[in-house]
Amino acid sequence: MVEVTVYSRSNCHLCDVAMAQLEKLSEEFEFTIVKKLIDGDAELENKYGEGVPVILINGTPHDFFRVDPERFRAAMANI
């Protein structure tokens, strides 16, 4: 099963939009979404800071700030 990880912050509008886009794409592709909040985690806050959301597919960085549906579809087609 493909795992899509989203590094996010609380009250992050861009993160909410990215999650909604991924949920919509989950109707086309079979994958699980794991949302990880970086709030309060010094290591993750240092790594991702204000660059969230960060989207990984099977642990590999894919997108940040937003989900590009066509780019996501192309990545999923190659898995």
PDB file of N, CA and C in Angstrom:
ATOM      1  N   MET A   1       0.843  -1.184   0.000  1.00  0.00           N
ATOM      2  CA  MET A   1       0.000   0.000   0.000  1.00  0.00           C
ATOM      3  C   MET A   1       0.886   1.244   0.000  1.00  0.00           C
ATOM      4  N   VAL A   2       0.530   2.186  -0.816  1.00  0.00           N
ATOM      5  CA  VAL A   2       1.256   3.449  -0.895  1.00  0.00           C
ATOM      6  C   VAL A   2       0.867   4.307   0.305  1.00  0.00           C
ATOM      7  N   GLU A   3       1.867   4.948   0.910  1.00  0.00           N
ATOM      8  CA  GLU A   3       1.620   5.844   2.041  1.00  0.00           C
ATOM      9  C   GLU A   3       2.001   7.258   1.650  1.00  0.00           C
ATOM     10  N   VAL A   4       1.064   8.169   1.807  1.00  0.00           N
ATOM     11  CA  VAL A   4       1.302   9.586   1.557  1.00  0.00           C
ATOM     12  C   VAL A   4       1.337  10.280   2.914  1.00  0.00           C
ATOM     13  N   THR A   5       2.470  10.868   3.237  1.00  0.00           N
ATOM     14  CA  THR A   5       2.651  11.558   4.506  1.00  0.00           C
ATOM     15  C   THR A   5       2.559  13.057   4.271  1.00  0.00           C
ATOM     16  N   VAL A   6       1.830  13.719   5.138  1.00  0.00           N
ATOM     17  CA  VAL A   6       1.692  15.167   5.057  1.00  0.00           C
ATOM     18  C   VAL A   6       2.205  15.761   6.370  1.00  0.00           C
ATOM     19  N   TYR A   7       3.302  16.504   6.299  1.00  0.00           N
ATOM     20  CA  TYR A   7       3.777  17.246   7.461  1.00  0.00           C
ATOM     21  C   TYR A   7       3.029  18.564   7.468  1.00  0.00           C
ATOM     22  N   SER A   8       2.432  18.866   8.611  1.00  0.00           N
ATOM     23  CA  SER A   8       1.484  19.967   8.699  1.00  0.00           C
ATOM     24  C   SER A   8       1.648  20.714  10.019  1.00  0.00           C
ATOM     25  N   ARG A   9       0.963  21.834  10.129  1.00  0.00           N
ATOM     26  CA  ARG A   9       0.875  22.605  11.368  1.00  0.00           C
ATOM     27  C   ARG A   9      -0.602  22.791  11.691  1.00  0.00           C
ATOM     28  N   SER A  10      -0.880  23.051  12.937  1.00  0.00           N
ATOM     29  CA  SER A  10      -2.246  23.384  13.339  1.00  0.00           C
ATOM     30  C   SER A  10      -2.637  24.725  12.720  1.00  0.00           C
ATOM     31  N   ASN A  11      -3.909  24.851  12.383  1.00  0.00           N
ATOM     32  CA  ASN A  11      -4.448  26.103  11.823  1.00  0.00           C
ATOM     33  C   ASN A  11      -3.710  26.557  10.571  1.00  0.00           C
ATOM     34  N   CYS A  12      -3.358  25.620   9.719  1.00  0.00           N
ATOM     35  CA  CYS A  12      -2.632  25.913   8.472  1.00  0.00           C
ATOM     36  C   CYS A  12      -3.605  25.764   7.309  1.00  0.00           C
ATOM     37  N   HIS A  13      -3.990  26.886   6.715  1.00  0.00           N
ATOM     38  CA  HIS A  13      -4.939  26.854   5.603  1.00  0.00           C
ATOM     39  C   HIS A  13      -4.405  26.047   4.424  1.00  0.00           C
ATOM     40  N   LEU A  14      -3.142  26.247   4.056  1.00  0.00           N
ATOM     41  CA  LEU A  14      -2.562  25.492   2.942  1.00  0.00           C
ATOM     42  C   LEU A  14      -2.569  23.994   3.230  1.00  0.00           C
ATOM     43  N   CYS A  15      -2.349  23.627   4.484  1.00  0.00           N
ATOM     44  CA  CYS A  15      -2.367  22.217   4.873  1.00  0.00           C
ATOM     45  C   CYS A  15      -3.769  21.636   4.700  1.00  0.00           C
ATOM     46  N   ASP A  16      -4.784  22.398   5.081  1.00  0.00           N
ATOM     47  CA  ASP A  16      -6.167  21.951   4.928  1.00  0.00           C
ATOM     48  C   ASP A  16      -6.514  21.746   3.457  1.00  0.00           C
ATOM     49  N   VAL A  17      -6.068  22.661   2.619  1.00  0.00           N
ATOM     50  CA  VAL A  17      -6.327  22.552   1.178  1.00  0.00           C
ATOM     51  C   VAL A  17      -5.618  21.321   0.614  1.00  0.00           C
ATOM     52  N   ALA A  18      -4.372  21.095   1.013  1.00  0.00           N
ATOM     53  CA  ALA A  18      -3.616  19.931   0.539  1.00  0.00           C
ATOM     54  C   ALA A  18      -4.294  18.632   0.970  1.00  0.00           C
ATOM     55  N   MET A  19      -4.749  18.566   2.221  1.00  0.00           N
ATOM     56  CA  MET A  19      -5.436  17.365   2.706  1.00  0.00           C
ATOM     57  C   MET A  19      -6.714  17.111   1.904  1.00  0.00           C
ATOM     58  N   ALA A  20      -7.472  18.160   1.620  1.00  0.00           N
ATOM     59  CA  ALA A  20      -8.700  18.007   0.845  1.00  0.00           C
ATOM     60  C   ALA A  20      -8.387  17.502  -0.564  1.00  0.00           C
ATOM     61  N   GLN A  21      -7.326  18.016  -1.152  1.00  0.00           N
ATOM     62  CA  GLN A  21      -6.936  17.580  -2.499  1.00  0.00           C
ATOM     63  C   GLN A  21      -6.522  16.108  -2.476  1.00  0.00           C
ATOM     64  N   LEU A  22      -5.767  15.719  -1.461  1.00  0.00           N
ATOM     65  CA  LEU A  22      -5.352  14.316  -1.350  1.00  0.00           C
ATOM     66  C   LEU A  22      -6.541  13.393  -1.120  1.00  0.00           C
ATOM     67  N   GLU A  23      -7.482  13.824  -0.311  1.00  0.00           N
ATOM     68  CA  GLU A  23      -8.676  13.017  -0.079  1.00  0.00           C
ATOM     69  C   GLU A  23      -9.456  12.828  -1.375  1.00  0.00           C
ATOM     70  N   LYS A  24      -9.512  13.869  -2.186  1.00  0.00           N
ATOM     71  CA  LYS A  24     -10.178  13.753  -3.483  1.00  0.00           C
ATOM     72  C   LYS A  24      -9.421  12.788  -4.391  1.00  0.00           C
ATOM     73  N   LEU A  25      -8.092  12.880  -4.387  1.00  0.00           N
ATOM     74  CA  LEU A  25      -7.281  11.986  -5.222  1.00  0.00           C
ATOM     75  C   LEU A  25      -7.344  10.539  -4.744  1.00  0.00           C
ATOM     76  N   SER A  26      -7.674  10.341  -3.477  1.00  0.00           N
ATOM     77  CA  SER A  26      -7.776   8.971  -2.959  1.00  0.00           C
ATOM     78  C   SER A  26      -8.967   8.234  -3.567  1.00  0.00           C
ATOM     79  N   GLU A  27      -9.855   8.949  -4.230  1.00  0.00           N
ATOM     80  CA  GLU A  27     -10.952   8.313  -4.964  1.00  0.00           C
ATOM     81  C   GLU A  27     -10.442   7.679  -6.255  1.00  0.00           C
ATOM     82  N   GLU A  28      -9.302   8.171  -6.759  1.00  0.00           N
ATOM     83  CA  GLU A  28      -8.712   7.650  -7.996  1.00  0.00           C
ATOM     84  C   GLU A  28      -7.633   6.607  -7.737  1.00  0.00           C
ATOM     85  N   PHE A  29      -6.908   6.773  -6.638  1.00  0.00           N
ATOM     86  CA  PHE A  29      -5.761   5.920  -6.338  1.00  0.00           C
ATOM     87  C   PHE A  29      -5.899   5.350  -4.928  1.00  0.00           C
ATOM     88  N   GLU A  30      -5.330   4.183  -4.743  1.00  0.00           N
ATOM     89  CA  GLU A  30      -5.373   3.547  -3.431  1.00  0.00           C
ATOM     90  C   GLU A  30      -4.111   3.919  -2.657  1.00  0.00           C
ATOM     91  N   PHE A  31      -4.281   4.712  -1.616  1.00  0.00           N
ATOM     92  CA  PHE A  31      -3.163   5.086  -0.749  1.00  0.00           C
ATOM     93  C   PHE A  31      -3.710   5.507   0.607  1.00  0.00           C
ATOM     94  N   THR A  32      -2.847   5.429   1.604  1.00  0.00           N
ATOM     95  CA  THR A  32      -3.221   5.909   2.930  1.00  0.00           C
ATOM     96  C   THR A  32      -2.581   7.268   3.148  1.00  0.00           C
ATOM     97  N   ILE A  33      -3.269   8.099   3.892  1.00  0.00           N
ATOM     98  CA  ILE A  33      -2.764   9.427   4.225  1.00  0.00           C
ATOM     99  C   ILE A  33      -2.402   9.448   5.703  1.00  0.00           C
ATOM    100  N   VAL A  34      -1.167   9.838   5.987  1.00  0.00           N
ATOM    101  CA  VAL A  34      -0.712   9.980   7.364  1.00  0.00           C
ATOM    102  C   VAL A  34      -0.380  11.452   7.573  1.00  0.00           C
ATOM    103  N   LYS A  35      -1.119  12.098   8.465  1.00  0.00           N
ATOM    104  CA  LYS A  35      -0.878  13.511   8.757  1.00  0.00           C
ATOM    105  C   LYS A  35      -0.039  13.606  10.021  1.00  0.00           C
ATOM    106  N   LYS A  36       1.083  14.309   9.921  1.00  0.00           N
ATOM    107  CA  LYS A  36       1.965  14.484  11.072  1.00  0.00           C
ATOM    108  C   LYS A  36       2.116  15.975  11.363  1.00  0.00           C
ATOM    109  N   LEU A  37       1.659  16.376  12.541  1.00  0.00           N
ATOM    110  CA  LEU A  37       1.801  17.764  12.949  1.00  0.00           C
ATOM    111  C   LEU A  37       3.226  17.997  13.443  1.00  0.00           C
ATOM    112  N   ILE A  38       3.821  19.089  12.982  1.00  0.00           N
ATOM    113  CA  ILE A  38       5.183  19.400  13.408  1.00  0.00           C
ATOM    114  C   ILE A  38       5.188  20.296  14.640  1.00  0.00           C
ATOM    115  N   ASP A  39       4.012  20.790  15.027  1.00  0.00           N
ATOM    116  CA  ASP A  39       3.896  21.668  16.193  1.00  0.00           C
ATOM    117  C   ASP A  39       4.518  21.022  17.430  1.00  0.00           C
ATOM    118  N   GLY A  40       5.418  21.746  18.073  1.00  0.00           N
ATOM    119  CA  GLY A  40       6.001  21.271  19.318  1.00  0.00           C
ATOM    120  C   GLY A  40       7.107  20.252  19.165  1.00  0.00           C
ATOM    121  N   ASP A  41       7.409  19.836  17.946  1.00  0.00           N
ATOM    122  CA  ASP A  41       8.497  18.894  17.708  1.00  0.00           C
ATOM    123  C   ASP A  41       9.673  19.697  17.149  1.00  0.00           C
ATOM    124  N   ALA A  42      10.649  19.989  17.996  1.00  0.00           N
ATOM    125  CA  ALA A  42      11.756  20.870  17.611  1.00  0.00           C
ATOM    126  C   ALA A  42      12.474  20.386  16.356  1.00  0.00           C
ATOM    127  N   GLU A  43      12.684  19.088  16.239  1.00  0.00           N
ATOM    128  CA  GLU A  43      13.388  18.546  15.071  1.00  0.00           C
ATOM    129  C   GLU A  43      12.592  18.785  13.787  1.00  0.00           C
ATOM    130  N   LEU A  44      11.282  18.472  13.824  1.00  0.00           N
ATOM    131  CA  LEU A  44      10.450  18.667  12.635  1.00  0.00           C
ATOM    132  C   LEU A  44      10.232  20.144  12.338  1.00  0.00           C
ATOM    133  N   GLU A  45      10.072  20.963  13.377  1.00  0.00           N
ATOM    134  CA  GLU A  45       9.918  22.403  13.147  1.00  0.00           C
ATOM    135  C   GLU A  45      11.174  22.980  12.511  1.00  0.00           C
ATOM    136  N   ASN A  46      12.331  22.513  12.936  1.00  0.00           N
ATOM    137  CA  ASN A  46      13.593  22.964  12.358  1.00  0.00           C
ATOM    138  C   ASN A  46      13.715  22.512  10.902  1.00  0.00           C
ATOM    139  N   LYS A  47      13.289  21.290  10.632  1.00  0.00           N
ATOM    140  CA  LYS A  47      13.410  20.723   9.286  1.00  0.00           C
ATOM    141  C   LYS A  47      12.431  21.361   8.300  1.00  0.00           C
ATOM    142  N   TYR A  48      11.158  21.530   8.731  1.00  0.00           N
ATOM    143  CA  TYR A  48      10.120  21.992   7.808  1.00  0.00           C
ATOM    144  C   TYR A  48       9.675  23.434   8.033  1.00  0.00           C
ATOM    145  N   GLY A  49       9.810  23.940   9.246  1.00  0.00           N
ATOM    146  CA  GLY A  49       9.486  25.329   9.539  1.00  0.00           C
ATOM    147  C   GLY A  49       8.175  25.790   8.952  1.00  0.00           C
ATOM    148  N   GLU A  50       8.245  26.876   8.208  1.00  0.00           N
ATOM    149  CA  GLU A  50       7.055  27.455   7.577  1.00  0.00           C
ATOM    150  C   GLU A  50       6.812  26.864   6.191  1.00  0.00           C
ATOM    151  N   GLY A  51       7.540  25.827   5.817  1.00  0.00           N
ATOM    152  CA  GLY A  51       7.429  25.237   4.482  1.00  0.00           C
ATOM    153  C   GLY A  51       6.341  24.197   4.345  1.00  0.00           C
ATOM    154  N   VAL A  52       5.444  24.136   5.314  1.00  0.00           N
ATOM    155  CA  VAL A  52       4.380  23.135   5.260  1.00  0.00           C
ATOM    156  C   VAL A  52       3.198  23.627   4.445  1.00  0.00           C
ATOM    157  N   PRO A  53       2.430  22.739   3.892  1.00  0.00           N
ATOM    158  CA  PRO A  53       2.555  21.303   4.019  1.00  0.00           C
ATOM    159  C   PRO A  53       3.674  20.746   3.147  1.00  0.00           C
ATOM    160  N   VAL A  54       4.261  19.676   3.639  1.00  0.00           N
ATOM    161  CA  VAL A  54       5.248  18.915   2.876  1.00  0.00           C
ATOM    162  C   VAL A  54       4.634  17.548   2.640  1.00  0.00           C
ATOM    163  N   ILE A  55       4.600  17.114   1.389  1.00  0.00           N
ATOM    164  CA  ILE A  55       3.966  15.859   1.030  1.00  0.00           C
ATOM    165  C   ILE A  55       5.040  14.868   0.586  1.00  0.00           C
ATOM    166  N   LEU A  56       5.021  13.690   1.187  1.00  0.00           N
ATOM    167  CA  LEU A  56       5.944  12.620   0.826  1.00  0.00           C
ATOM    168  C   LEU A  56       5.124  11.440   0.317  1.00  0.00           C
ATOM    169  N   ILE A  57       5.645  10.764  -0.685  1.00  0.00           N
ATOM    170  CA  ILE A  57       5.032   9.529  -1.165  1.00  0.00           C
ATOM    171  C   ILE A  57       6.003   8.413  -0.853  1.00  0.00           C
ATOM    172  N   ASN A  58       5.559   7.481  -0.032  1.00  0.00           N
ATOM    173  CA  ASN A  58       6.408   6.377   0.428  1.00  0.00           C
ATOM    174  C   ASN A  58       7.746   6.882   0.954  1.00  0.00           C
ATOM    175  N   GLY A  59       7.704   7.977   1.705  1.00  0.00           N
ATOM    176  CA  GLY A  59       8.892   8.516   2.347  1.00  0.00           C
ATOM    177  C   GLY A  59       9.761   9.399   1.480  1.00  0.00           C
ATOM    178  N   THR A  60       9.409   9.555   0.215  1.00  0.00           N
ATOM    179  CA  THR A  60      10.186  10.388  -0.702  1.00  0.00           C
ATOM    180  C   THR A  60       9.489  11.734  -0.873  1.00  0.00           C
ATOM    181  N   PRO A  61      10.207  12.849  -0.667  1.00  0.00           N
ATOM    182  CA  PRO A  61       9.590  14.169  -0.850  1.00  0.00           C
ATOM    183  C   PRO A  61       8.971  14.308  -2.244  1.00  0.00           C
ATOM    184  N   HIS A  62       7.761  14.839  -2.259  1.00  0.00           N
ATOM    185  CA  HIS A  62       7.044  14.983  -3.529  1.00  0.00           C
ATOM    186  C   HIS A  62       6.674  16.440  -3.811  1.00  0.00           C
ATOM    187  N   ASP A  63       5.986  17.078  -2.889  1.00  0.00           N
ATOM    188  CA  ASP A  63       5.537  18.463  -3.075  1.00  0.00           C
ATOM    189  C   ASP A  63       5.596  19.199  -1.756  1.00  0.00           C
ATOM    190  N   PHE A  64       5.539  20.528  -1.840  1.00  0.00           N
ATOM    191  CA  PHE A  64       5.401  21.346  -0.649  1.00  0.00           C
ATOM    192  C   PHE A  64       4.502  22.518  -0.985  1.00  0.00           C
ATOM    193  N   PHE A  65       3.867  23.062   0.023  1.00  0.00           N
ATOM    194  CA  PHE A  65       2.904  24.161  -0.067  1.00  0.00           C
ATOM    195  C   PHE A  65       1.568  23.776  -0.694  1.00  0.00           C
ATOM    196  N   ARG A  66       1.579  22.916  -1.711  1.00  0.00           N
ATOM    197  CA  ARG A  66       0.322  22.532  -2.356  1.00  0.00           C
ATOM    198  C   ARG A  66       0.491  21.185  -3.047  1.00  0.00           C
ATOM    199  N   VAL A  67      -0.621  20.583  -3.397  1.00  0.00           N
ATOM    200  CA  VAL A  67      -0.617  19.336  -4.157  1.00  0.00           C
ATOM    201  C   VAL A  67      -0.974  19.680  -5.595  1.00  0.00           C
ATOM    202  N   ASP A  68      -0.086  19.355  -6.505  1.00  0.00           N
ATOM    203  CA  ASP A  68      -0.364  19.513  -7.926  1.00  0.00           C
ATOM    204  C   ASP A  68      -0.990  18.192  -8.392  1.00  0.00           C
ATOM    205  N   PRO A  69      -2.292  18.189  -8.690  1.00  0.00           N
ATOM    206  CA  PRO A  69      -2.967  16.930  -9.026  1.00  0.00           C
ATOM    207  C   PRO A  69      -2.332  16.164 -10.186  1.00  0.00           C
ATOM    208  N   GLU A  70      -1.929  16.858 -11.238  1.00  0.00           N
ATOM    209  CA  GLU A  70      -1.334  16.160 -12.389  1.00  0.00           C
ATOM    210  C   GLU A  70       0.024  15.558 -12.031  1.00  0.00           C
ATOM    211  N   ARG A  71       0.807  16.288 -11.279  1.00  0.00           N
ATOM    212  CA  ARG A  71       2.106  15.771 -10.836  1.00  0.00           C
ATOM    213  C   ARG A  71       1.907  14.569  -9.913  1.00  0.00           C
ATOM    214  N   PHE A  72       0.901  14.642  -9.039  1.00  0.00           N
ATOM    215  CA  PHE A  72       0.596  13.538  -8.136  1.00  0.00           C
ATOM    216  C   PHE A  72       0.158  12.318  -8.935  1.00  0.00           C
ATOM    217  N   ARG A  73      -0.725  12.524  -9.902  1.00  0.00           N
ATOM    218  CA  ARG A  73      -1.187  11.400 -10.740  1.00  0.00           C
ATOM    219  C   ARG A  73      -0.018  10.743 -11.466  1.00  0.00           C
ATOM    220  N   ALA A  74       0.880  11.556 -11.998  1.00  0.00           N
ATOM    221  CA  ALA A  74       2.047  11.006 -12.702  1.00  0.00           C
ATOM    222  C   ALA A  74       2.936  10.201 -11.755  1.00  0.00           C
ATOM    223  N   ALA A  75       3.118  10.698 -10.542  1.00  0.00           N
ATOM    224  CA  ALA A  75       3.930   9.975  -9.556  1.00  0.00           C
ATOM    225  C   ALA A  75       3.270   8.655  -9.192  1.00  0.00           C
ATOM    226  N   MET A  76       1.969   8.670  -8.983  1.00  0.00           N
ATOM    227  CA  MET A  76       1.263   7.449  -8.610  1.00  0.00           C
ATOM    228  C   MET A  76       1.275   6.429  -9.761  1.00  0.00           C
ATOM    229  N   ALA A  77       1.249   6.901 -10.994  1.00  0.00           N
ATOM    230  CA  ALA A  77       1.270   5.994 -12.142  1.00  0.00           C
ATOM    231  C   ALA A  77       2.611   5.269 -12.251  1.00  0.00           C
ATOM    232  N   ASN A  78       3.654   5.827 -11.654  1.00  0.00           N
ATOM    233  CA  ASN A  78       4.992   5.239 -11.732  1.00  0.00           C
ATOM    234  C   ASN A  78       5.331   4.374 -10.517  1.00  0.00           C
ATOM    235  N   ILE A  79       4.371   4.165  -9.637  1.00  0.00           N
ATOM    236  CA  ILE A  79       4.639   3.347  -8.449  1.00  0.00           C
ATOM    237  C   ILE A  79       4.212   1.926  -8.716  1.00  0.00           C
TER     238      ILE A  79
END
